[in-house]
């Protein structure tokens, strides 16, 4: 199997020194390696199983890797739904802890929104866990609305969304 060269994307003047590009298959191991440290939450070693290599093989054209002189700075893995062409989904996002509050996550989301809007999408969905209050706060600040069929830890959540005991907060944002 040949690996394609990951094309660079337009630079972002608000984030001097950061390089935005499409992911390549070789980025999979780099991203998995940073997840436990970047999340710093109990059980995060298993988060890597939620991001298999196939995302880097089949959804690179709608995902982004960000690098700087220190290495991996952030990433967004997202795609347009094959079953619901008007819907896009943000599957996994990470920003290196020293760059949080820099606006990089917002920039990754806004770039994704623009690309999905241009491709005909009218809605973006995402999920997080009921305990991940930072993610919930960020998604609300980005204009997402939370949904659920019950309340878990004070937030609307879907019980057993990803299997027994795997509750999730589902977010939706209109484009």
N, C-alpha and C. Protein backbone atom coordinates (compact mmCIF):
# COMPACT_ATOMS: atom_id res chain seq x y z
N UNK A 1 0.84 -1.17 0.00
CA UNK A 1 0.00 0.00 0.00
C UNK A 1 0.89 1.23 0.00
N UNK A 2 0.62 2.18 -0.87
CA UNK A 2 1.38 3.42 -0.89
C UNK A 2 0.68 4.45 -0.05
N UNK A 3 1.48 5.29 0.59
CA UNK A 3 0.91 6.36 1.39
C UNK A 3 0.99 7.65 0.60
N UNK A 4 -0.08 8.39 0.60
CA UNK A 4 -0.09 9.64 -0.12
C UNK A 4 0.56 10.73 0.72
N UNK A 5 1.03 11.73 0.07
CA UNK A 5 1.60 12.88 0.75
C UNK A 5 0.44 13.73 1.26
N UNK A 6 0.53 14.12 2.52
CA UNK A 6 -0.54 14.92 3.11
C UNK A 6 -0.40 16.37 2.65
N UNK A 7 -1.39 16.87 1.92
CA UNK A 7 -1.27 18.24 1.41
C UNK A 7 -1.42 19.28 2.51
N UNK A 8 -0.66 20.37 2.34
CA UNK A 8 -0.78 21.50 3.26
C UNK A 8 -2.07 22.24 2.97
N UNK A 9 -2.59 22.87 3.98
CA UNK A 9 -3.80 23.68 3.85
C UNK A 9 -3.40 25.14 3.96
N UNK A 10 -4.34 26.00 3.69
CA UNK A 10 -4.07 27.43 3.82
C UNK A 10 -3.63 27.76 5.24
N UNK A 11 -2.57 28.57 5.39
CA UNK A 11 -2.16 28.97 6.74
C UNK A 11 -3.22 29.84 7.39
N UNK A 12 -3.18 29.93 8.69
CA UNK A 12 -4.13 30.74 9.44
C UNK A 12 -3.36 31.90 10.08
N UNK A 13 -3.62 33.12 9.64
CA UNK A 13 -2.86 34.27 10.16
C UNK A 13 -2.98 34.42 11.68
N UNK A 14 -4.07 33.96 12.25
CA UNK A 14 -4.26 34.08 13.70
C UNK A 14 -3.38 33.11 14.48
N UNK A 15 -2.81 32.13 13.78
CA UNK A 15 -2.00 31.11 14.45
C UNK A 15 -0.64 30.99 13.75
N UNK A 16 0.14 32.08 13.83
CA UNK A 16 1.47 32.09 13.22
C UNK A 16 2.30 30.96 13.81
N UNK A 17 3.06 30.31 12.96
CA UNK A 17 3.92 29.22 13.41
C UNK A 17 3.25 27.87 13.39
N UNK A 18 1.96 27.82 13.11
CA UNK A 18 1.25 26.54 13.03
C UNK A 18 1.04 26.17 11.57
N UNK A 19 1.26 24.90 11.26
CA UNK A 19 1.04 24.38 9.92
C UNK A 19 -0.17 23.47 9.92
N UNK A 20 -1.12 23.76 9.08
CA UNK A 20 -2.35 22.98 8.94
C UNK A 20 -2.21 22.11 7.71
N UNK A 21 -2.52 20.82 7.85
CA UNK A 21 -2.46 19.92 6.71
C UNK A 21 -3.44 18.77 6.90
N UNK A 22 -3.63 18.02 5.84
CA UNK A 22 -4.47 16.83 5.89
C UNK A 22 -3.66 15.70 6.53
N UNK A 23 -4.31 14.83 7.32
CA UNK A 23 -3.57 13.72 7.90
C UNK A 23 -3.20 12.67 6.86
N UNK A 24 -2.14 11.94 7.18
CA UNK A 24 -1.72 10.78 6.40
C UNK A 24 -1.73 9.58 7.33
N UNK A 25 -1.66 8.39 6.77
CA UNK A 25 -1.73 7.17 7.58
C UNK A 25 -0.66 7.16 8.66
N UNK A 26 0.54 7.67 8.35
CA UNK A 26 1.61 7.65 9.36
C UNK A 26 1.30 8.53 10.58
N UNK A 27 0.33 9.42 10.48
CA UNK A 27 -0.05 10.26 11.62
C UNK A 27 -0.83 9.48 12.68
N UNK A 28 -1.40 8.36 12.31
CA UNK A 28 -2.23 7.60 13.25
C UNK A 28 -1.48 7.30 14.54
N UNK A 29 -0.29 6.74 14.45
CA UNK A 29 0.49 6.39 15.65
C UNK A 29 0.84 7.63 16.47
N UNK A 30 1.16 8.72 15.81
CA UNK A 30 1.49 9.97 16.52
C UNK A 30 0.30 10.48 17.33
N UNK A 31 -0.87 10.44 16.73
CA UNK A 31 -2.06 10.92 17.43
C UNK A 31 -2.40 9.99 18.59
N UNK A 32 -2.36 8.69 18.37
CA UNK A 32 -2.66 7.76 19.46
C UNK A 32 -1.70 7.94 20.63
N UNK A 33 -0.44 8.26 20.33
CA UNK A 33 0.57 8.40 21.38
C UNK A 33 0.29 9.59 22.31
N UNK A 34 -0.36 10.64 21.80
CA UNK A 34 -0.58 11.83 22.63
C UNK A 34 -1.91 11.81 23.39
N UNK A 35 -2.84 10.98 22.97
CA UNK A 35 -4.17 11.01 23.57
C UNK A 35 -4.16 10.85 25.09
N UNK A 36 -3.51 9.85 25.67
CA UNK A 36 -3.57 9.71 27.14
C UNK A 36 -3.05 10.94 27.88
N UNK A 37 -1.94 11.50 27.44
CA UNK A 37 -1.39 12.68 28.11
C UNK A 37 -2.19 13.94 27.89
N UNK A 38 -2.73 14.11 26.69
CA UNK A 38 -3.49 15.32 26.41
C UNK A 38 -4.81 15.33 27.16
N UNK A 39 -5.43 14.17 27.35
CA UNK A 39 -6.75 14.13 28.01
C UNK A 39 -6.60 14.16 29.52
N UNK A 40 -5.60 13.44 30.04
CA UNK A 40 -5.36 13.41 31.48
C UNK A 40 -6.62 13.12 32.29
N UNK A 41 -7.39 12.17 31.82
CA UNK A 41 -8.61 11.75 32.51
C UNK A 41 -8.53 10.25 32.78
N UNK A 42 -9.20 9.76 33.82
CA UNK A 42 -9.18 8.31 34.08
C UNK A 42 -9.70 7.53 32.87
N UNK A 43 -9.01 6.44 32.57
CA UNK A 43 -9.46 5.56 31.49
C UNK A 43 -9.12 6.03 30.09
N UNK A 44 -8.29 7.07 29.95
CA UNK A 44 -8.05 7.60 28.61
C UNK A 44 -7.15 6.72 27.77
N UNK A 45 -6.46 5.77 28.37
CA UNK A 45 -5.63 4.88 27.55
C UNK A 45 -6.50 4.14 26.53
N UNK A 46 -7.77 3.90 26.87
CA UNK A 46 -8.68 3.22 25.96
C UNK A 46 -9.23 4.13 24.87
N UNK A 47 -9.04 5.44 24.99
CA UNK A 47 -9.58 6.35 23.98
C UNK A 47 -8.99 6.07 22.60
N UNK A 48 -7.77 5.57 22.55
CA UNK A 48 -7.15 5.27 21.27
C UNK A 48 -7.93 4.25 20.46
N UNK A 49 -8.64 3.37 21.13
CA UNK A 49 -9.45 2.39 20.40
C UNK A 49 -10.62 3.04 19.68
N UNK A 50 -10.97 4.24 20.10
CA UNK A 50 -12.07 4.96 19.44
C UNK A 50 -11.62 5.64 18.15
N UNK A 51 -10.32 5.61 17.90
CA UNK A 51 -9.79 6.30 16.72
C UNK A 51 -8.91 5.34 15.91
N UNK A 52 -9.52 4.36 15.24
CA UNK A 52 -8.73 3.41 14.46
C UNK A 52 -8.10 4.04 13.22
N UNK A 53 -7.14 3.33 12.69
CA UNK A 53 -6.38 3.76 11.51
C UNK A 53 -7.29 4.12 10.32
N UNK A 54 -8.43 3.49 10.22
CA UNK A 54 -9.31 3.74 9.07
C UNK A 54 -9.67 5.21 8.92
N UNK A 55 -9.71 5.96 10.02
CA UNK A 55 -10.03 7.38 9.91
C UNK A 55 -8.94 8.13 9.15
N UNK A 56 -7.71 7.68 9.29
CA UNK A 56 -6.59 8.32 8.61
C UNK A 56 -6.46 7.83 7.17
N UNK A 57 -7.08 6.70 6.87
CA UNK A 57 -7.07 6.16 5.51
C UNK A 57 -8.23 6.69 4.68
N UNK A 58 -9.41 6.83 5.30
CA UNK A 58 -10.61 7.08 4.52
C UNK A 58 -11.28 8.44 4.77
N UNK A 59 -10.82 9.19 5.76
CA UNK A 59 -11.44 10.49 6.05
C UNK A 59 -10.41 11.61 6.12
N UNK A 60 -9.27 11.43 5.49
CA UNK A 60 -8.22 12.44 5.52
C UNK A 60 -8.64 13.73 4.82
N UNK A 61 -9.47 13.63 3.82
CA UNK A 61 -9.83 14.83 3.05
C UNK A 61 -10.75 15.78 3.82
N UNK A 62 -11.28 15.34 4.96
CA UNK A 62 -12.14 16.21 5.77
C UNK A 62 -11.59 16.38 7.19
N UNK A 63 -10.36 15.94 7.41
CA UNK A 63 -9.73 16.02 8.72
C UNK A 63 -8.49 16.90 8.63
N UNK A 64 -7.97 17.31 9.80
CA UNK A 64 -6.84 18.23 9.83
C UNK A 64 -5.85 17.85 10.92
N UNK A 65 -4.58 17.96 10.58
CA UNK A 65 -3.47 17.84 11.53
C UNK A 65 -2.83 19.22 11.62
N UNK A 66 -2.46 19.63 12.83
CA UNK A 66 -1.78 20.91 13.03
C UNK A 66 -0.45 20.61 13.72
N UNK A 67 0.62 21.21 13.19
CA UNK A 67 1.96 21.03 13.75
C UNK A 67 2.63 22.36 13.98
N UNK A 68 3.59 22.35 14.89
CA UNK A 68 4.45 23.50 15.09
C UNK A 68 5.86 22.99 15.35
N UNK A 69 6.76 23.87 15.78
CA UNK A 69 8.14 23.45 15.98
C UNK A 69 8.29 22.40 17.08
N UNK A 70 7.30 22.26 17.95
CA UNK A 70 7.34 21.25 19.00
C UNK A 70 6.69 19.93 18.60
N UNK A 71 6.18 19.85 17.39
CA UNK A 71 5.55 18.62 16.91
C UNK A 71 4.06 18.76 16.71
N UNK A 72 3.32 17.74 17.10
CA UNK A 72 1.87 17.73 16.93
C UNK A 72 1.23 18.77 17.86
N UNK A 73 0.48 19.68 17.29
CA UNK A 73 -0.15 20.75 18.07
C UNK A 73 -1.65 20.52 18.24
N UNK A 74 -2.26 19.83 17.29
CA UNK A 74 -3.69 19.57 17.36
C UNK A 74 -4.15 18.75 16.18
N UNK A 75 -5.40 18.30 16.27
CA UNK A 75 -5.98 17.53 15.17
C UNK A 75 -7.49 17.57 15.29
N UNK A 76 -8.15 17.41 14.17
CA UNK A 76 -9.60 17.24 14.11
C UNK A 76 -9.86 16.14 13.09
N UNK A 77 -10.57 15.11 13.53
CA UNK A 77 -10.97 14.02 12.65
C UNK A 77 -12.48 14.13 12.47
N UNK A 78 -12.90 14.43 11.26
CA UNK A 78 -14.32 14.59 10.99
C UNK A 78 -14.64 14.14 9.58
N UNK A 79 -15.93 14.00 9.30
CA UNK A 79 -16.33 13.52 7.98
C UNK A 79 -17.77 13.90 7.69
N UNK A 80 -18.10 13.80 6.43
CA UNK A 80 -19.47 13.98 5.97
C UNK A 80 -20.15 12.62 6.01
N UNK A 81 -21.35 12.57 6.54
CA UNK A 81 -22.07 11.31 6.66
C UNK A 81 -22.41 10.74 5.29
N UNK A 82 -22.13 9.45 5.12
CA UNK A 82 -22.51 8.77 3.88
C UNK A 82 -24.01 8.47 3.86
N UNK A 83 -24.60 8.27 5.03
CA UNK A 83 -26.02 7.95 5.13
C UNK A 83 -26.91 9.17 5.13
N UNK A 84 -26.37 10.27 5.64
CA UNK A 84 -27.12 11.53 5.73
C UNK A 84 -26.24 12.63 5.12
N UNK A 85 -26.27 12.80 3.81
CA UNK A 85 -25.35 13.73 3.14
C UNK A 85 -25.39 15.17 3.64
N UNK A 86 -26.46 15.58 4.26
CA UNK A 86 -26.54 16.94 4.80
C UNK A 86 -25.97 17.08 6.19
N UNK A 87 -25.38 16.00 6.71
CA UNK A 87 -24.87 15.99 8.08
C UNK A 87 -23.38 15.66 8.07
N UNK A 88 -22.64 16.38 8.88
CA UNK A 88 -21.22 16.09 9.10
C UNK A 88 -21.05 15.68 10.55
N UNK A 89 -19.94 15.02 10.83
CA UNK A 89 -19.71 14.51 12.17
C UNK A 89 -18.27 14.78 12.57
N UNK A 90 -18.09 15.39 13.73
CA UNK A 90 -16.76 15.58 14.29
C UNK A 90 -16.53 14.42 15.25
N UNK A 91 -15.58 13.57 14.89
CA UNK A 91 -15.37 12.33 15.64
C UNK A 91 -14.38 12.48 16.79
N UNK A 92 -13.29 13.18 16.57
CA UNK A 92 -12.25 13.26 17.60
C UNK A 92 -11.45 14.53 17.37
N UNK A 93 -11.19 15.27 18.44
CA UNK A 93 -10.43 16.51 18.36
C UNK A 93 -9.49 16.58 19.54
N UNK A 94 -8.30 17.07 19.30
CA UNK A 94 -7.36 17.27 20.39
C UNK A 94 -6.50 18.48 20.14
N UNK A 95 -6.18 19.18 21.22
CA UNK A 95 -5.25 20.31 21.17
C UNK A 95 -4.25 20.10 22.30
N UNK A 96 -2.98 20.23 21.98
CA UNK A 96 -1.93 20.07 22.97
C UNK A 96 -2.21 20.99 24.16
N UNK A 97 -2.05 20.50 25.38
CA UNK A 97 -2.42 21.29 26.56
C UNK A 97 -1.83 22.70 26.62
N UNK A 98 -0.61 22.92 26.18
CA UNK A 98 -0.02 24.26 26.24
C UNK A 98 -0.64 25.22 25.24
N UNK A 99 -1.44 24.71 24.29
CA UNK A 99 -2.09 25.56 23.30
C UNK A 99 -3.58 25.75 23.56
N UNK A 100 -4.08 25.15 24.62
CA UNK A 100 -5.48 25.35 24.95
C UNK A 100 -5.66 26.80 25.36
N UNK A 101 -6.77 27.36 25.06
CA UNK A 101 -7.13 28.77 25.23
C UNK A 101 -6.46 29.67 24.18
N UNK A 102 -5.77 29.07 23.20
CA UNK A 102 -5.15 29.86 22.13
C UNK A 102 -6.13 30.13 20.98
N UNK A 103 -7.28 29.44 21.01
CA UNK A 103 -8.23 29.56 19.92
C UNK A 103 -8.03 28.51 18.84
N UNK A 104 -7.07 27.61 19.02
CA UNK A 104 -6.81 26.60 18.00
C UNK A 104 -8.00 25.66 17.82
N UNK A 105 -8.60 25.20 18.89
CA UNK A 105 -9.76 24.31 18.76
C UNK A 105 -10.89 25.00 18.02
N UNK A 106 -11.15 26.25 18.36
CA UNK A 106 -12.19 27.02 17.67
C UNK A 106 -11.86 27.12 16.18
N UNK A 107 -10.61 27.37 15.86
CA UNK A 107 -10.19 27.48 14.46
C UNK A 107 -10.40 26.15 13.73
N UNK A 108 -10.02 25.04 14.36
CA UNK A 108 -10.23 23.73 13.74
C UNK A 108 -11.71 23.50 13.46
N UNK A 109 -12.57 23.82 14.41
CA UNK A 109 -14.01 23.64 14.22
C UNK A 109 -14.53 24.56 13.12
N UNK A 110 -14.14 25.83 13.14
CA UNK A 110 -14.65 26.77 12.14
C UNK A 110 -14.21 26.39 10.74
N UNK A 111 -12.98 25.91 10.59
CA UNK A 111 -12.51 25.46 9.28
C UNK A 111 -13.33 24.25 8.82
N UNK A 112 -13.62 23.34 9.75
CA UNK A 112 -14.44 22.18 9.42
C UNK A 112 -15.85 22.63 9.03
N UNK A 113 -16.44 23.54 9.80
CA UNK A 113 -17.78 24.05 9.48
C UNK A 113 -17.80 24.63 8.07
N UNK A 114 -16.81 25.45 7.75
CA UNK A 114 -16.77 26.09 6.42
C UNK A 114 -16.69 25.04 5.31
N UNK A 115 -15.82 24.04 5.49
CA UNK A 115 -15.67 23.01 4.46
C UNK A 115 -16.95 22.18 4.31
N UNK A 116 -17.58 21.86 5.41
CA UNK A 116 -18.80 21.06 5.35
C UNK A 116 -19.96 21.86 4.78
N UNK A 117 -20.05 23.11 5.13
CA UNK A 117 -21.08 23.98 4.56
C UNK A 117 -20.89 24.04 3.04
N UNK A 118 -19.65 24.21 2.59
CA UNK A 118 -19.36 24.28 1.15
C UNK A 118 -19.70 22.97 0.44
N UNK A 119 -19.67 21.86 1.17
CA UNK A 119 -19.99 20.57 0.55
C UNK A 119 -21.48 20.24 0.63
N UNK A 120 -22.27 21.16 1.17
CA UNK A 120 -23.71 20.97 1.21
C UNK A 120 -24.28 20.53 2.55
N UNK A 121 -23.45 20.39 3.54
CA UNK A 121 -23.97 20.00 4.86
C UNK A 121 -24.67 21.17 5.53
N UNK A 122 -25.67 20.85 6.30
CA UNK A 122 -26.45 21.87 7.02
C UNK A 122 -26.44 21.62 8.53
N UNK A 123 -25.76 20.56 8.96
CA UNK A 123 -25.72 20.23 10.39
C UNK A 123 -24.41 19.50 10.70
N UNK A 124 -23.89 19.74 11.90
CA UNK A 124 -22.72 19.02 12.40
C UNK A 124 -23.09 18.39 13.73
N UNK A 125 -22.75 17.11 13.90
CA UNK A 125 -22.99 16.39 15.14
C UNK A 125 -21.66 16.03 15.79
N UNK A 126 -21.71 15.83 17.10
CA UNK A 126 -20.54 15.39 17.87
C UNK A 126 -21.06 14.78 19.17
N UNK A 127 -20.22 14.00 19.84
CA UNK A 127 -20.60 13.45 21.14
C UNK A 127 -19.43 13.62 22.11
N UNK A 128 -19.76 13.53 23.40
CA UNK A 128 -18.75 13.49 24.46
C UNK A 128 -19.36 12.74 25.63
N UNK A 129 -18.57 12.51 26.64
CA UNK A 129 -19.05 11.81 27.82
C UNK A 129 -19.69 12.75 28.82
N UNK A 130 -20.60 12.23 29.66
CA UNK A 130 -21.26 13.07 30.67
C UNK A 130 -20.28 13.70 31.67
N UNK A 131 -19.13 13.08 31.88
CA UNK A 131 -18.16 13.63 32.84
C UNK A 131 -17.21 14.64 32.21
N UNK A 132 -17.21 14.73 30.90
CA UNK A 132 -16.27 15.63 30.23
C UNK A 132 -16.87 17.04 30.14
N UNK A 133 -16.88 17.72 31.27
CA UNK A 133 -17.52 19.04 31.33
C UNK A 133 -16.78 20.08 30.50
N UNK A 134 -15.46 19.93 30.34
CA UNK A 134 -14.72 20.86 29.50
C UNK A 134 -15.17 20.78 28.05
N UNK A 135 -15.35 19.58 27.56
CA UNK A 135 -15.82 19.38 26.19
C UNK A 135 -17.25 19.91 26.05
N UNK A 136 -18.08 19.64 27.03
CA UNK A 136 -19.47 20.13 26.98
C UNK A 136 -19.50 21.65 26.93
N UNK A 137 -18.69 22.28 27.76
CA UNK A 137 -18.63 23.75 27.80
C UNK A 137 -18.16 24.29 26.45
N UNK A 138 -17.13 23.67 25.87
CA UNK A 138 -16.60 24.11 24.59
C UNK A 138 -17.66 23.98 23.49
N UNK A 139 -18.33 22.83 23.42
CA UNK A 139 -19.34 22.64 22.38
C UNK A 139 -20.48 23.64 22.51
N UNK A 140 -20.92 23.91 23.70
CA UNK A 140 -21.98 24.92 23.88
C UNK A 140 -21.49 26.29 23.42
N UNK A 141 -20.23 26.63 23.75
CA UNK A 141 -19.68 27.92 23.32
C UNK A 141 -19.57 28.00 21.80
N UNK A 142 -19.45 26.85 21.14
CA UNK A 142 -19.37 26.82 19.68
C UNK A 142 -20.75 26.77 19.03
N UNK A 143 -21.81 26.84 19.81
CA UNK A 143 -23.17 26.88 19.27
C UNK A 143 -23.87 25.55 19.16
N UNK A 144 -23.30 24.51 19.74
CA UNK A 144 -23.94 23.20 19.73
C UNK A 144 -25.01 23.13 20.81
N UNK A 145 -26.04 22.33 20.56
CA UNK A 145 -27.07 22.06 21.55
C UNK A 145 -26.97 20.60 21.96
N UNK A 146 -27.07 20.34 23.27
CA UNK A 146 -26.98 18.98 23.79
C UNK A 146 -28.35 18.32 23.79
N UNK A 147 -28.35 17.01 23.54
CA UNK A 147 -29.58 16.23 23.60
C UNK A 147 -29.32 14.95 24.40
N UNK A 148 -30.40 14.34 24.84
CA UNK A 148 -30.31 13.09 25.56
C UNK A 148 -31.69 12.56 25.90
N UNK A 149 -31.73 11.32 26.38
CA UNK A 149 -33.00 10.73 26.77
C UNK A 149 -33.13 10.63 28.29
N UNK A 150 -32.09 11.09 29.00
CA UNK A 150 -32.08 11.08 30.45
C UNK A 150 -31.09 12.12 30.94
N UNK A 151 -31.00 12.29 32.24
CA UNK A 151 -29.99 13.19 32.79
C UNK A 151 -28.99 12.35 33.57
N UNK A 152 -27.72 12.53 33.23
CA UNK A 152 -26.63 11.82 33.91
C UNK A 152 -25.63 12.88 34.37
N UNK A 153 -25.36 12.87 35.66
CA UNK A 153 -24.43 13.84 36.25
C UNK A 153 -24.83 15.28 35.90
N UNK A 154 -26.13 15.51 35.86
CA UNK A 154 -26.64 16.85 35.65
C UNK A 154 -26.71 17.33 34.23
N UNK A 155 -26.43 16.47 33.25
CA UNK A 155 -26.49 16.90 31.85
C UNK A 155 -27.35 15.95 31.04
N UNK A 156 -28.05 16.46 30.01
CA UNK A 156 -28.82 15.57 29.16
C UNK A 156 -27.88 14.60 28.46
N UNK A 157 -28.18 13.33 28.54
CA UNK A 157 -27.31 12.29 27.99
C UNK A 157 -28.17 11.17 27.41
N UNK A 158 -27.53 10.38 26.55
CA UNK A 158 -28.17 9.19 26.00
C UNK A 158 -27.60 7.99 26.74
N UNK A 159 -28.44 7.33 27.49
CA UNK A 159 -28.03 6.15 28.26
C UNK A 159 -27.65 5.02 27.31
N UNK A 160 -26.52 4.40 27.58
CA UNK A 160 -26.03 3.25 26.81
C UNK A 160 -25.85 3.56 25.32
N UNK A 161 -25.56 4.78 24.99
CA UNK A 161 -25.40 5.23 23.60
C UNK A 161 -24.42 4.35 22.82
N UNK A 162 -23.28 4.05 23.41
CA UNK A 162 -22.26 3.24 22.75
C UNK A 162 -22.12 1.86 23.38
N UNK A 163 -23.20 1.37 23.99
CA UNK A 163 -23.20 0.06 24.64
C UNK A 163 -23.49 0.21 26.12
N UNK A 164 -23.64 -0.90 26.82
CA UNK A 164 -23.99 -0.86 28.25
C UNK A 164 -22.99 -0.03 29.06
N UNK A 165 -23.52 0.97 29.75
CA UNK A 165 -22.69 1.84 30.59
C UNK A 165 -21.91 2.90 29.84
N UNK A 166 -22.03 2.94 28.53
CA UNK A 166 -21.30 3.91 27.70
C UNK A 166 -22.24 5.05 27.31
N UNK A 167 -22.54 5.90 28.28
CA UNK A 167 -23.47 7.02 28.09
C UNK A 167 -22.75 8.15 27.35
N UNK A 168 -23.49 8.92 26.57
CA UNK A 168 -22.91 10.03 25.81
C UNK A 168 -23.86 11.22 25.80
N UNK A 169 -23.25 12.39 25.72
CA UNK A 169 -23.97 13.63 25.47
C UNK A 169 -23.83 13.86 23.96
N UNK A 170 -24.95 13.97 23.27
CA UNK A 170 -24.93 14.21 21.82
C UNK A 170 -25.14 15.69 21.56
N UNK A 171 -24.34 16.23 20.67
CA UNK A 171 -24.41 17.65 20.31
C UNK A 171 -24.77 17.80 18.85
N UNK A 172 -25.55 18.84 18.55
CA UNK A 172 -25.93 19.17 17.18
C UNK A 172 -25.78 20.68 17.00
N UNK A 173 -25.26 21.05 15.84
CA UNK A 173 -25.14 22.49 15.50
C UNK A 173 -25.56 22.67 14.05
N UNK A 174 -26.45 23.59 13.84
CA UNK A 174 -26.88 23.96 12.48
C UNK A 174 -25.79 24.80 11.83
N UNK A 175 -25.60 24.60 10.54
CA UNK A 175 -24.63 25.41 9.78
C UNK A 175 -25.34 26.52 9.05
